[in-house]
Every structure is written in C-alpha cells, then in structure tokens.
Amino acid sequence: MSVEEEQLFTSIENKEIEALIQKEANSKCFDCGNSPANWVCVNNGIFLCASCAGDHRSYGPVASRIKSLILDNFTSYQIELLKVSGNERLKNLLNEYEIKINKNVNRLKIYTCNLVENYRETLYCQLLGKKLPPKVEKKYALEIMENI
C-alpha cells in the first residue's frame, strides 16, 4: 500500500471513529460514566475512560480487548463491530437483565458471564451474517447477579 493510500485509509478510519464518539452514549465511559471515553473495548464494543480501560486490560483479551481511540489503528471488522454495538446497546441488554454496573460490582464477572459472552457471539454472528445464537433466558438473570 502506498503512503497516499495508507493516509487515505487512516483518514476514513478516523472519521468513522470520530462519528462513533460523537454519539452521546459513547462519549462517556461505559463503566463509570466519566468523560472523555478515549479507549474502546473492541470485542464488547464499548467506550471507556483511561482508568476503566486500565482495569479492563487486567481482565484478559477474551473478556476485554482494549485499544486507544487516539493511538491505535482499527481493522475494518473492529470498526463495523463498533458501529453495530456501542455503550447504549450493551447497557440496554444489561438493563433488560437488571444488571447494573457500578463501583460495587465485580466487573470482571460481568464481562465473563454467559450473558456478555452471548452478546459478543451475537455481535460476531450479526457482522458475518450467521445465524444468531439463542438469547440467554431471563431466569438466569438472578443467577448472574448472585455471581456478581
């Protein structure tokens, strides 16, 4: 790829990322609500502040793959995943199951629970045009909360 092609790709990528951060829900950290959200968990499709991104790094790449919105480059797949996910989508799912993220919950358990694993699988299948996995039954919401 020539330098000009690389600069054009980076410019397009940056504009797509900027458009995603302009959404109010994505401008603040998913976990703590602080601004600015200048990091992203690419496999969960959520935007984070620097402090919470540091916490997410300790969860391991299966639960949370962290990238800087400023310093890192993104694959086309990662950008598409961010377009179909975002803070609001995951927050709506957790609200549906009555799971609240706050200072008192074990976030590692949230990001490794079956519900969020199912969410990641759903995003993956949606992007690749595959059959979506079955939804996690609501009766498991209490079980999820007990483990958190």
N, C-alpha and C. Protein backbone atom coordinates (compact mmCIF):
# COMPACT_ATOMS: atom_id res chain seq x y z
N MET A 1 0.84 -1.17 0.00
CA MET A 1 0.00 0.00 0.00
C MET A 1 0.89 1.23 0.00
N SER A 2 0.57 2.19 -0.87
CA SER A 2 1.37 3.41 -0.95
C SER A 2 1.10 4.30 0.26
N VAL A 3 1.97 5.27 0.47
CA VAL A 3 1.81 6.21 1.57
C VAL A 3 0.48 6.96 1.43
N GLU A 4 0.16 7.36 0.19
CA GLU A 4 -1.10 8.09 -0.05
C GLU A 4 -2.31 7.22 0.29
N GLU A 5 -2.28 5.95 -0.12
CA GLU A 5 -3.38 5.03 0.18
C GLU A 5 -3.51 4.82 1.69
N GLU A 6 -2.39 4.69 2.36
CA GLU A 6 -2.39 4.48 3.81
C GLU A 6 -2.97 5.70 4.52
N GLN A 7 -2.59 6.91 4.08
CA GLN A 7 -3.11 8.13 4.69
C GLN A 7 -4.62 8.25 4.45
N LEU A 8 -5.07 7.89 3.24
CA LEU A 8 -6.50 7.94 2.93
C LEU A 8 -7.27 6.97 3.82
N PHE A 9 -6.76 5.75 3.96
CA PHE A 9 -7.41 4.76 4.82
C PHE A 9 -7.48 5.27 6.26
N THR A 10 -6.38 5.80 6.76
CA THR A 10 -6.35 6.32 8.13
C THR A 10 -7.34 7.46 8.29
N SER A 11 -7.45 8.31 7.29
CA SER A 11 -8.39 9.43 7.34
C SER A 11 -9.84 8.93 7.40
N ILE A 12 -10.17 7.94 6.58
CA ILE A 12 -11.52 7.36 6.59
C ILE A 12 -11.78 6.70 7.93
N GLU A 13 -10.81 5.93 8.41
CA GLU A 13 -10.94 5.24 9.70
C GLU A 13 -11.17 6.25 10.81
N ASN A 14 -10.39 7.33 10.84
CA ASN A 14 -10.52 8.33 11.89
C ASN A 14 -11.90 8.99 11.86
N LYS A 15 -12.42 9.26 10.67
CA LYS A 15 -13.74 9.88 10.56
C LYS A 15 -14.82 8.95 11.07
N GLU A 16 -14.70 7.66 10.79
CA GLU A 16 -15.69 6.69 11.29
C GLU A 16 -15.64 6.60 12.81
N ILE A 17 -14.43 6.58 13.36
CA ILE A 17 -14.27 6.52 14.82
C ILE A 17 -14.81 7.80 15.45
N GLU A 18 -14.49 8.96 14.86
CA GLU A 18 -14.98 10.23 15.38
C GLU A 18 -16.51 10.27 15.40
N ALA A 19 -17.14 9.76 14.35
CA ALA A 19 -18.60 9.73 14.29
C ALA A 19 -19.17 8.87 15.41
N LEU A 20 -18.50 7.78 15.73
CA LEU A 20 -18.98 6.91 16.82
C LEU A 20 -18.86 7.58 18.18
N ILE A 21 -17.80 8.34 18.40
CA ILE A 21 -17.61 9.00 19.69
C ILE A 21 -18.55 10.20 19.84
N GLN A 22 -19.03 10.72 18.73
CA GLN A 22 -19.96 11.85 18.79
C GLN A 22 -21.30 11.45 19.40
N LYS A 23 -21.64 10.17 19.34
CA LYS A 23 -22.88 9.72 19.97
C LYS A 23 -22.74 9.95 21.47
N GLU A 24 -23.76 10.55 22.06
CA GLU A 24 -23.68 10.91 23.47
C GLU A 24 -23.35 9.73 24.37
N ALA A 25 -23.98 8.59 24.12
CA ALA A 25 -23.74 7.41 24.97
C ALA A 25 -22.29 6.93 24.88
N ASN A 26 -21.65 7.12 23.74
CA ASN A 26 -20.27 6.66 23.57
C ASN A 26 -19.24 7.69 24.03
N SER A 27 -19.65 8.91 24.28
CA SER A 27 -18.70 9.96 24.66
C SER A 27 -18.25 9.83 26.11
N LYS A 28 -19.03 9.07 26.89
CA LYS A 28 -18.70 8.85 28.30
C LYS A 28 -18.36 7.38 28.52
N CYS A 29 -17.59 7.14 29.54
CA CYS A 29 -17.15 5.78 29.87
C CYS A 29 -18.34 4.88 30.19
N PHE A 30 -18.36 3.70 29.59
CA PHE A 30 -19.43 2.73 29.84
C PHE A 30 -19.48 2.32 31.31
N ASP A 31 -18.33 2.10 31.92
CA ASP A 31 -18.29 1.58 33.29
C ASP A 31 -18.59 2.65 34.34
N CYS A 32 -17.94 3.80 34.27
CA CYS A 32 -18.06 4.79 35.35
C CYS A 32 -18.81 6.05 34.95
N GLY A 33 -19.03 6.26 33.67
CA GLY A 33 -19.76 7.44 33.21
C GLY A 33 -18.91 8.69 33.08
N ASN A 34 -17.61 8.59 33.34
CA ASN A 34 -16.73 9.76 33.22
C ASN A 34 -16.39 10.04 31.77
N SER A 35 -16.02 11.28 31.51
CA SER A 35 -15.57 11.69 30.19
C SER A 35 -14.09 12.04 30.28
N PRO A 36 -13.36 12.00 29.25
CA PRO A 36 -13.76 11.50 27.94
C PRO A 36 -13.55 9.99 27.84
N ALA A 37 -14.34 9.39 26.99
CA ALA A 37 -14.14 7.97 26.69
C ALA A 37 -13.19 7.92 25.50
N ASN A 38 -11.92 7.74 25.77
CA ASN A 38 -10.93 7.75 24.69
C ASN A 38 -10.25 6.39 24.50
N TRP A 39 -10.87 5.37 25.04
CA TRP A 39 -10.43 4.00 24.86
C TRP A 39 -11.64 3.18 24.45
N VAL A 40 -11.40 2.03 23.87
CA VAL A 40 -12.51 1.18 23.45
C VAL A 40 -12.18 -0.28 23.73
N CYS A 41 -13.20 -1.00 24.14
CA CYS A 41 -13.10 -2.45 24.27
C CYS A 41 -13.69 -3.00 22.98
N VAL A 42 -12.83 -3.46 22.07
CA VAL A 42 -13.30 -3.81 20.73
C VAL A 42 -14.15 -5.07 20.68
N ASN A 43 -13.96 -6.02 21.57
CA ASN A 43 -14.78 -7.23 21.48
C ASN A 43 -16.15 -7.05 22.14
N ASN A 44 -16.30 -6.09 23.05
CA ASN A 44 -17.61 -5.79 23.63
C ASN A 44 -18.24 -4.56 22.99
N GLY A 45 -17.46 -3.84 22.21
CA GLY A 45 -17.98 -2.67 21.51
C GLY A 45 -18.37 -1.53 22.42
N ILE A 46 -17.60 -1.31 23.48
CA ILE A 46 -17.92 -0.23 24.43
C ILE A 46 -16.77 0.75 24.54
N PHE A 47 -17.11 1.97 24.91
CA PHE A 47 -16.15 3.06 25.02
C PHE A 47 -15.87 3.32 26.50
N LEU A 48 -14.58 3.54 26.83
CA LEU A 48 -14.14 3.61 28.22
C LEU A 48 -13.21 4.80 28.46
N CYS A 49 -13.12 5.24 29.72
CA CYS A 49 -12.13 6.24 30.11
C CYS A 49 -10.79 5.51 30.35
N ALA A 50 -9.73 6.28 30.53
CA ALA A 50 -8.40 5.69 30.72
C ALA A 50 -8.33 4.81 31.96
N SER A 51 -8.95 5.24 33.03
CA SER A 51 -8.89 4.47 34.28
C SER A 51 -9.58 3.11 34.13
N CYS A 52 -10.79 3.10 33.58
CA CYS A 52 -11.52 1.84 33.42
C CYS A 52 -10.87 0.96 32.35
N ALA A 53 -10.26 1.59 31.33
CA ALA A 53 -9.54 0.82 30.31
C ALA A 53 -8.39 0.05 30.96
N GLY A 54 -7.74 0.69 31.93
CA GLY A 54 -6.67 0.01 32.67
C GLY A 54 -7.20 -1.20 33.42
N ASP A 55 -8.37 -1.05 34.04
CA ASP A 55 -8.99 -2.19 34.71
C ASP A 55 -9.29 -3.30 33.71
N HIS A 56 -9.84 -2.93 32.55
CA HIS A 56 -10.22 -3.91 31.53
C HIS A 56 -9.01 -4.69 31.01
N ARG A 57 -7.87 -4.04 30.95
CA ARG A 57 -6.66 -4.75 30.49
C ARG A 57 -6.36 -5.95 31.39
N SER A 58 -6.67 -5.81 32.66
CA SER A 58 -6.38 -6.91 33.60
C SER A 58 -7.37 -8.07 33.45
N TYR A 59 -8.49 -7.87 32.75
CA TYR A 59 -9.48 -8.93 32.57
C TYR A 59 -9.04 -9.97 31.54
N GLY A 60 -8.06 -9.62 30.73
CA GLY A 60 -7.59 -10.52 29.69
C GLY A 60 -8.32 -10.28 28.37
N PRO A 61 -7.70 -10.67 27.26
CA PRO A 61 -8.24 -10.35 25.93
C PRO A 61 -9.53 -11.07 25.56
N VAL A 62 -9.85 -12.19 26.19
CA VAL A 62 -11.10 -12.86 25.87
C VAL A 62 -12.27 -12.03 26.39
N ALA A 63 -12.14 -11.49 27.59
CA ALA A 63 -13.20 -10.68 28.18
C ALA A 63 -13.17 -9.25 27.68
N SER A 64 -11.99 -8.72 27.40
CA SER A 64 -11.90 -7.30 27.05
C SER A 64 -10.60 -6.99 26.31
N ARG A 65 -10.72 -6.69 25.01
CA ARG A 65 -9.56 -6.26 24.21
C ARG A 65 -9.60 -4.74 24.11
N ILE A 66 -8.59 -4.09 24.65
CA ILE A 66 -8.58 -2.64 24.77
C ILE A 66 -7.69 -2.00 23.71
N LYS A 67 -8.22 -0.90 23.13
CA LYS A 67 -7.44 -0.10 22.17
C LYS A 67 -7.68 1.37 22.47
N SER A 68 -6.66 2.16 22.19
CA SER A 68 -6.78 3.61 22.32
C SER A 68 -7.44 4.18 21.07
N LEU A 69 -8.42 5.05 21.26
CA LEU A 69 -9.05 5.70 20.11
C LEU A 69 -8.11 6.68 19.45
N ILE A 70 -7.09 7.11 20.16
CA ILE A 70 -6.17 8.11 19.65
C ILE A 70 -4.91 7.47 19.05
N LEU A 71 -4.37 6.47 19.72
CA LEU A 71 -3.06 5.93 19.34
C LEU A 71 -3.10 4.70 18.44
N ASP A 72 -4.18 3.92 18.52
CA ASP A 72 -4.21 2.64 17.83
C ASP A 72 -4.97 2.71 16.51
N ASN A 73 -4.65 1.76 15.63
CA ASN A 73 -5.39 1.59 14.39
C ASN A 73 -6.41 0.47 14.58
N PHE A 74 -7.46 0.51 13.77
CA PHE A 74 -8.54 -0.46 13.87
C PHE A 74 -8.71 -1.19 12.56
N THR A 75 -9.06 -2.46 12.65
CA THR A 75 -9.36 -3.22 11.45
C THR A 75 -10.77 -2.83 10.98
N SER A 76 -11.08 -3.16 9.75
CA SER A 76 -12.42 -2.89 9.22
C SER A 76 -13.46 -3.62 10.07
N TYR A 77 -13.15 -4.86 10.45
CA TYR A 77 -14.07 -5.64 11.28
C TYR A 77 -14.34 -4.93 12.60
N GLN A 78 -13.29 -4.42 13.25
CA GLN A 78 -13.46 -3.74 14.54
C GLN A 78 -14.32 -2.49 14.39
N ILE A 79 -14.12 -1.75 13.32
CA ILE A 79 -14.93 -0.55 13.10
C ILE A 79 -16.39 -0.93 12.87
N GLU A 80 -16.62 -1.96 12.09
CA GLU A 80 -18.00 -2.41 11.85
C GLU A 80 -18.64 -2.89 13.14
N LEU A 81 -17.87 -3.59 13.98
CA LEU A 81 -18.39 -4.05 15.26
C LEU A 81 -18.79 -2.87 16.13
N LEU A 82 -17.96 -1.84 16.15
CA LEU A 82 -18.28 -0.66 16.95
C LEU A 82 -19.53 0.05 16.42
N LYS A 83 -19.75 -0.02 15.12
CA LYS A 83 -20.94 0.61 14.53
C LYS A 83 -22.22 -0.09 14.97
N VAL A 84 -22.18 -1.41 15.13
CA VAL A 84 -23.40 -2.14 15.49
C VAL A 84 -23.55 -2.33 17.00
N SER A 85 -22.54 -1.94 17.76
CA SER A 85 -22.62 -2.13 19.21
C SER A 85 -22.70 -0.77 19.90
N GLY A 86 -21.72 -0.45 20.70
CA GLY A 86 -21.71 0.82 21.41
C GLY A 86 -22.24 0.69 22.83
N ASN A 87 -22.00 1.74 23.60
CA ASN A 87 -22.37 1.74 25.01
C ASN A 87 -23.86 1.52 25.22
N GLU A 88 -24.68 2.17 24.42
CA GLU A 88 -26.12 2.09 24.63
C GLU A 88 -26.66 0.68 24.42
N ARG A 89 -26.15 -0.02 23.43
CA ARG A 89 -26.66 -1.37 23.15
C ARG A 89 -26.36 -2.33 24.31
N LEU A 90 -25.12 -2.33 24.80
CA LEU A 90 -24.79 -3.23 25.91
C LEU A 90 -25.51 -2.80 27.19
N LYS A 91 -25.61 -1.49 27.42
CA LYS A 91 -26.31 -1.01 28.61
C LYS A 91 -27.77 -1.45 28.58
N ASN A 92 -28.41 -1.38 27.40
CA ASN A 92 -29.80 -1.83 27.28
C ASN A 92 -29.94 -3.32 27.58
N LEU A 93 -28.99 -4.11 27.11
CA LEU A 93 -29.02 -5.55 27.39
C LEU A 93 -28.90 -5.81 28.89
N LEU A 94 -27.94 -5.17 29.53
CA LEU A 94 -27.75 -5.37 30.97
C LEU A 94 -28.97 -4.89 31.76
N ASN A 95 -29.57 -3.78 31.32
CA ASN A 95 -30.79 -3.30 31.99
C ASN A 95 -31.93 -4.30 31.85
N GLU A 96 -32.02 -4.92 30.67
CA GLU A 96 -33.06 -5.92 30.44
C GLU A 96 -32.95 -7.06 31.45
N TYR A 97 -31.72 -7.40 31.82
CA TYR A 97 -31.48 -8.47 32.79
C TYR A 97 -31.28 -7.93 34.21
N GLU A 98 -31.56 -6.65 34.39
CA GLU A 98 -31.47 -5.98 35.69
C GLU A 98 -30.07 -6.06 36.30
N ILE A 99 -29.07 -5.91 35.45
CA ILE A 99 -27.68 -5.91 35.90
C ILE A 99 -27.17 -4.48 35.79
N LYS A 100 -26.72 -3.94 36.90
CA LYS A 100 -26.22 -2.57 36.95
C LYS A 100 -24.71 -2.59 37.15
N ILE A 101 -24.03 -1.78 36.36
CA ILE A 101 -22.59 -1.64 36.54
C ILE A 101 -22.36 -0.42 37.41
N ASN A 102 -21.72 -0.62 38.54
CA ASN A 102 -21.36 0.48 39.43
C ASN A 102 -20.08 0.10 40.16
N LYS A 103 -19.67 0.96 41.08
CA LYS A 103 -18.41 0.73 41.79
C LYS A 103 -18.41 -0.55 42.63
N ASN A 104 -19.60 -1.00 43.02
CA ASN A 104 -19.68 -2.12 43.97
C ASN A 104 -19.75 -3.49 43.32
N VAL A 105 -19.87 -3.57 42.00
CA VAL A 105 -19.97 -4.88 41.36
C VAL A 105 -18.61 -5.33 40.85
N ASN A 106 -18.45 -6.61 40.75
CA ASN A 106 -17.23 -7.19 40.20
C ASN A 106 -17.36 -7.18 38.68
N ARG A 107 -16.73 -6.20 38.06
CA ARG A 107 -16.87 -6.04 36.60
C ARG A 107 -16.29 -7.22 35.83
N LEU A 108 -15.24 -7.82 36.35
CA LEU A 108 -14.67 -8.98 35.67
C LEU A 108 -15.73 -10.06 35.51
N LYS A 109 -16.52 -10.28 36.55
CA LYS A 109 -17.57 -11.30 36.47
C LYS A 109 -18.64 -10.91 35.46
N ILE A 110 -18.93 -9.62 35.34
CA ILE A 110 -19.90 -9.19 34.33
C ILE A 110 -19.38 -9.51 32.94
N TYR A 111 -18.14 -9.14 32.67
CA TYR A 111 -17.59 -9.30 31.32
C TYR A 111 -17.23 -10.73 30.97
N THR A 112 -17.28 -11.63 31.96
CA THR A 112 -17.03 -13.05 31.67
C THR A 112 -18.27 -13.91 31.87
N CYS A 113 -19.40 -13.30 32.20
CA CYS A 113 -20.62 -14.09 32.42
C CYS A 113 -21.20 -14.55 31.07
N ASN A 114 -22.04 -15.56 31.13
CA ASN A 114 -22.64 -16.13 29.91
C ASN A 114 -23.42 -15.10 29.11
N LEU A 115 -24.07 -14.17 29.79
CA LEU A 115 -24.86 -13.15 29.09
C LEU A 115 -23.99 -12.31 28.18
N VAL A 116 -22.86 -11.83 28.68
CA VAL A 116 -21.98 -10.98 27.87
C VAL A 116 -21.24 -11.83 26.83
N GLU A 117 -20.91 -13.06 27.15
CA GLU A 117 -20.33 -13.96 26.14
C GLU A 117 -21.32 -14.17 25.00
N ASN A 118 -22.59 -14.34 25.34
CA ASN A 118 -23.64 -14.48 24.33
C ASN A 118 -23.76 -13.20 23.50
N TYR A 119 -23.63 -12.06 24.14
CA TYR A 119 -23.68 -10.76 23.46
C TYR A 119 -22.55 -10.65 22.43
N ARG A 120 -21.33 -11.02 22.84
CA ARG A 120 -20.19 -10.98 21.91
C ARG A 120 -20.43 -11.91 20.72
N GLU A 121 -20.95 -13.09 20.99
CA GLU A 121 -21.26 -14.06 19.92
C GLU A 121 -22.33 -13.50 18.99
N THR A 122 -23.32 -12.83 19.55
CA THR A 122 -24.38 -12.21 18.75
C THR A 122 -23.80 -11.14 17.82
N LEU A 123 -22.91 -10.30 18.34
CA LEU A 123 -22.28 -9.28 17.51
C LEU A 123 -21.49 -9.91 16.36
N TYR A 124 -20.72 -10.94 16.70
CA TYR A 124 -19.91 -11.65 15.71
C TYR A 124 -20.80 -12.23 14.61
N CYS A 125 -21.86 -12.91 14.99
CA CYS A 125 -22.76 -13.54 14.02
C CYS A 125 -23.47 -12.48 13.19
N GLN A 126 -23.86 -11.39 13.82
CA GLN A 126 -24.54 -10.31 13.10
C GLN A 126 -23.64 -9.74 12.01
N LEU A 127 -22.38 -9.52 12.34
CA LEU A 127 -21.45 -8.94 11.36
C LEU A 127 -21.13 -9.90 10.22
N LEU A 128 -21.09 -11.18 10.52
CA LEU A 128 -20.74 -12.17 9.50
C LEU A 128 -21.95 -12.75 8.79
N GLY A 129 -23.14 -12.30 9.17
CA GLY A 129 -24.36 -12.79 8.54
C GLY A 129 -24.68 -14.23 8.89
N LYS A 130 -24.25 -14.65 10.06
CA LYS A 130 -24.52 -16.02 10.52
C LYS A 130 -25.78 -16.04 11.37
N LYS A 131 -26.28 -17.23 11.61
CA LYS A 131 -27.45 -17.40 12.47
C LYS A 131 -27.10 -16.93 13.88
N LEU A 132 -27.98 -16.10 14.46
CA LEU A 132 -27.72 -15.57 15.79
C LEU A 132 -27.91 -16.66 16.84
N PRO A 133 -27.10 -16.63 17.89
CA PRO A 133 -27.28 -17.61 18.97
C PRO A 133 -28.57 -17.33 19.72
N PRO A 134 -29.13 -18.33 20.41
CA PRO A 134 -30.34 -18.09 21.19
C PRO A 134 -30.04 -17.11 22.33
N LYS A 135 -31.04 -16.29 22.68
CA LYS A 135 -30.86 -15.36 23.79
C LYS A 135 -30.75 -16.13 25.10
N VAL A 136 -30.03 -15.55 26.02
CA VAL A 136 -29.94 -16.11 27.37
C VAL A 136 -31.29 -15.88 28.04
N GLU A 137 -31.82 -16.92 28.64
CA GLU A 137 -33.14 -16.81 29.27
C GLU A 137 -33.08 -15.88 30.49
N LYS A 138 -34.16 -15.13 30.69
CA LYS A 138 -34.21 -14.17 31.79
C LYS A 138 -34.10 -14.84 33.16
N LYS A 139 -34.49 -16.10 33.25
CA LYS A 139 -34.41 -16.77 34.56
C LYS A 139 -32.96 -16.84 35.05
N TYR A 140 -32.01 -16.69 34.13
CA TYR A 140 -30.61 -16.72 34.53
C TYR A 140 -30.12 -15.38 35.05
N ALA A 141 -30.96 -14.34 34.94
CA ALA A 141 -30.56 -13.02 35.42
C ALA A 141 -30.24 -13.03 36.90
N LEU A 142 -31.07 -13.69 37.69
CA LEU A 142 -30.81 -13.76 39.13
C LEU A 142 -29.51 -14.52 39.41
N GLU A 143 -29.30 -15.58 38.66
CA GLU A 143 -28.07 -16.37 38.83
C GLU A 143 -26.85 -15.52 38.49
N ILE A 144 -26.97 -14.73 37.42
CA ILE A 144 -25.86 -13.85 37.03
C ILE A 144 -25.58 -12.85 38.14
N MET A 145 -26.64 -12.24 38.68
CA MET A 145 -26.48 -11.24 39.74
C MET A 145 -25.88 -11.85 41.00
N GLU A 146 -26.25 -13.07 41.34
CA GLU A 146 -25.69 -13.73 42.52
C GLU A 146 -24.19 -13.92 42.38
N ASN A 147 -23.75 -14.20 41.17
CA ASN A 147 -22.32 -14.43 40.94
C ASN A 147 -21.52 -13.14 40.85
N ILE A 148 -22.21 -12.02 40.71
CA ILE A 148 -21.53 -10.72 40.61
C ILE A 148 -21.39 -10.15 41.99
